[in-house]
Structure formats: C-alpha cells, structure tokens
Amino acid sequence: MVALAVILLIVGLILLFLGIFVKVASFLLWIGIIVLIIAIILGLVRFLRRSV
C-alpha cells in the first residue's frame, strides 16, 4: 500500500506540472489534483492504521 501511495503521488505531481506548463491540456491539471488527493488519503489511512 505504501508503494501505491508513492506511485500515485509521483504520477499526480507529474500530471500537475504538465497541466501547469501546457495550457491546452488543462484537464491534466484536474487529473493531477485528483490523483494527489487520492495519494494523500491513502497515506493518511496507512498512517492511521499504523498508529492504532
């Protein structure tokens, strides 16, 4: 699960930067934000499970 969160974080950051640099493909910005949010949620769930 850790690897999945890290991969989603990296993909999200790449899509976020592509969305910022390429104005024509602005939907990549939203996809990047959504993937980042999913990665953050997965990381928090992993952290909370380890803490309990």
N, C-alpha and C. Protein backbone atom coordinates (compact mmCIF):
# COMPACT_ATOMS: atom_id res chain seq x y z
N MET A 1 0.83 -1.19 0.00
CA MET A 1 0.00 0.00 0.00
C MET A 1 0.87 1.25 0.00
N VAL A 2 2.05 1.15 0.60
CA VAL A 2 2.96 2.29 0.61
C VAL A 2 3.42 2.60 -0.81
N ALA A 3 3.74 1.54 -1.56
CA ALA A 3 4.22 1.74 -2.94
C ALA A 3 3.13 2.38 -3.79
N LEU A 4 1.89 1.97 -3.59
CA LEU A 4 0.77 2.54 -4.36
C LEU A 4 0.63 4.03 -4.08
N ALA A 5 0.73 4.42 -2.81
CA ALA A 5 0.61 5.83 -2.46
C ALA A 5 1.76 6.64 -3.06
N VAL A 6 2.96 6.10 -3.04
CA VAL A 6 4.12 6.81 -3.60
C VAL A 6 3.98 6.95 -5.11
N ILE A 7 3.55 5.87 -5.77
CA ILE A 7 3.37 5.93 -7.22
C ILE A 7 2.29 6.94 -7.59
N LEU A 8 1.18 6.94 -6.86
CA LEU A 8 0.12 7.91 -7.13
C LEU A 8 0.59 9.33 -6.89
N LEU A 9 1.40 9.52 -5.87
CA LEU A 9 1.93 10.85 -5.58
C LEU A 9 2.82 11.34 -6.71
N ILE A 10 3.71 10.49 -7.20
CA ILE A 10 4.61 10.86 -8.29
C ILE A 10 3.82 11.14 -9.56
N VAL A 11 2.88 10.26 -9.90
CA VAL A 11 2.06 10.46 -11.10
C VAL A 11 1.26 11.75 -10.97
N GLY A 12 0.71 11.99 -9.79
CA GLY A 12 -0.06 13.20 -9.58
C GLY A 12 0.78 14.46 -9.76
N LEU A 13 1.99 14.44 -9.23
CA LEU A 13 2.87 15.60 -9.38
C LEU A 13 3.25 15.82 -10.85
N ILE A 14 3.54 14.73 -11.56
CA ILE A 14 3.89 14.86 -12.98
C ILE A 14 2.72 15.45 -13.76
N LEU A 15 1.52 14.91 -13.53
CA LEU A 15 0.35 15.43 -14.24
C LEU A 15 0.05 16.87 -13.85
N LEU A 16 0.29 17.20 -12.58
CA LEU A 16 0.07 18.57 -12.12
C LEU A 16 1.00 19.53 -12.85
N PHE A 17 2.29 19.19 -12.94
CA PHE A 17 3.24 20.06 -13.63
C PHE A 17 2.96 20.13 -15.12
N LEU A 18 2.57 19.00 -15.72
CA LEU A 18 2.21 19.03 -17.14
C LEU A 18 0.99 19.92 -17.37
N GLY A 19 0.05 19.86 -16.46
CA GLY A 19 -1.14 20.70 -16.58
C GLY A 19 -0.82 22.17 -16.44
N ILE A 20 0.13 22.50 -15.60
CA ILE A 20 0.52 23.91 -15.42
C ILE A 20 1.27 24.41 -16.64
N PHE A 21 2.20 23.60 -17.18
CA PHE A 21 3.05 24.04 -18.29
C PHE A 21 2.32 24.00 -19.64
N VAL A 22 1.33 23.14 -19.77
CA VAL A 22 0.63 23.01 -21.05
C VAL A 22 -0.80 23.50 -20.85
N LYS A 23 -1.05 24.72 -21.26
CA LYS A 23 -2.37 25.32 -21.05
C LYS A 23 -3.45 24.63 -21.87
N VAL A 24 -3.09 24.09 -23.03
CA VAL A 24 -4.07 23.45 -23.90
C VAL A 24 -4.68 22.23 -23.21
N ALA A 25 -3.86 21.47 -22.51
CA ALA A 25 -4.33 20.26 -21.84
C ALA A 25 -4.59 20.57 -20.37
N SER A 26 -5.49 21.50 -20.11
CA SER A 26 -5.74 21.92 -18.73
C SER A 26 -6.45 20.84 -17.92
N PHE A 27 -7.06 19.86 -18.59
CA PHE A 27 -7.69 18.77 -17.84
C PHE A 27 -6.66 17.94 -17.09
N LEU A 28 -5.41 17.94 -17.54
CA LEU A 28 -4.34 17.23 -16.82
C LEU A 28 -4.13 17.82 -15.43
N LEU A 29 -4.36 19.13 -15.33
CA LEU A 29 -4.24 19.78 -14.03
C LEU A 29 -5.25 19.20 -13.05
N TRP A 30 -6.49 19.03 -13.48
CA TRP A 30 -7.52 18.48 -12.60
C TRP A 30 -7.26 17.02 -12.29
N ILE A 31 -6.81 16.26 -13.27
CA ILE A 31 -6.49 14.85 -13.03
C ILE A 31 -5.34 14.75 -12.03
N GLY A 32 -4.36 15.61 -12.16
CA GLY A 32 -3.23 15.62 -11.23
C GLY A 32 -3.67 15.94 -9.82
N ILE A 33 -4.56 16.90 -9.67
CA ILE A 33 -5.08 17.27 -8.34
C ILE A 33 -5.86 16.11 -7.74
N ILE A 34 -6.68 15.44 -8.54
CA ILE A 34 -7.47 14.32 -8.03
C ILE A 34 -6.56 13.18 -7.60
N VAL A 35 -5.54 12.86 -8.40
CA VAL A 35 -4.61 11.78 -8.05
C VAL A 35 -3.82 12.14 -6.79
N LEU A 36 -3.43 13.40 -6.65
CA LEU A 36 -2.74 13.83 -5.43
C LEU A 36 -3.62 13.67 -4.20
N ILE A 37 -4.88 14.03 -4.32
CA ILE A 37 -5.80 13.89 -3.19
C ILE A 37 -5.96 12.43 -2.80
N ILE A 38 -6.07 11.55 -3.80
CA ILE A 38 -6.18 10.12 -3.52
C ILE A 38 -4.92 9.60 -2.83
N ALA A 39 -3.75 10.05 -3.29
CA ALA A 39 -2.50 9.62 -2.67
C ALA A 39 -2.40 10.10 -1.23
N ILE A 40 -2.83 11.33 -0.96
CA ILE A 40 -2.80 11.86 0.40
C ILE A 40 -3.74 11.08 1.31
N ILE A 41 -4.94 10.76 0.79
CA ILE A 41 -5.90 9.99 1.58
C ILE A 41 -5.34 8.61 1.89
N LEU A 42 -4.74 7.95 0.89
CA LEU A 42 -4.16 6.62 1.12
C LEU A 42 -3.02 6.70 2.15
N GLY A 43 -2.21 7.74 2.06
CA GLY A 43 -1.13 7.91 3.03
C GLY A 43 -1.66 8.12 4.44
N LEU A 44 -2.72 8.91 4.58
CA LEU A 44 -3.31 9.14 5.90
C LEU A 44 -3.93 7.87 6.46
N VAL A 45 -4.60 7.09 5.61
CA VAL A 45 -5.19 5.83 6.06
C VAL A 45 -4.10 4.88 6.54
N ARG A 46 -3.00 4.81 5.79
CA ARG A 46 -1.88 3.95 6.19
C ARG A 46 -1.29 4.42 7.52
N PHE A 47 -1.14 5.72 7.68
CA PHE A 47 -0.58 6.26 8.91
C PHE A 47 -1.50 5.99 10.10
N LEU A 48 -2.80 6.17 9.90
CA LEU A 48 -3.75 5.95 10.99
C LEU A 48 -3.83 4.48 11.38
N ARG A 49 -3.77 3.58 10.39
CA ARG A 49 -3.79 2.16 10.70
C ARG A 49 -2.56 1.75 11.49
N ARG A 50 -1.40 2.34 11.17
CA ARG A 50 -0.17 2.02 11.87
C ARG A 50 -0.20 2.58 13.29
N SER A 51 -0.85 3.73 13.47
CA SER A 51 -0.89 4.36 14.79
C SER A 51 -1.81 3.61 15.74
N VAL A 52 -2.86 3.00 15.24
CA VAL A 52 -3.84 2.30 16.08
C VAL A 52 -3.36 0.94 16.41
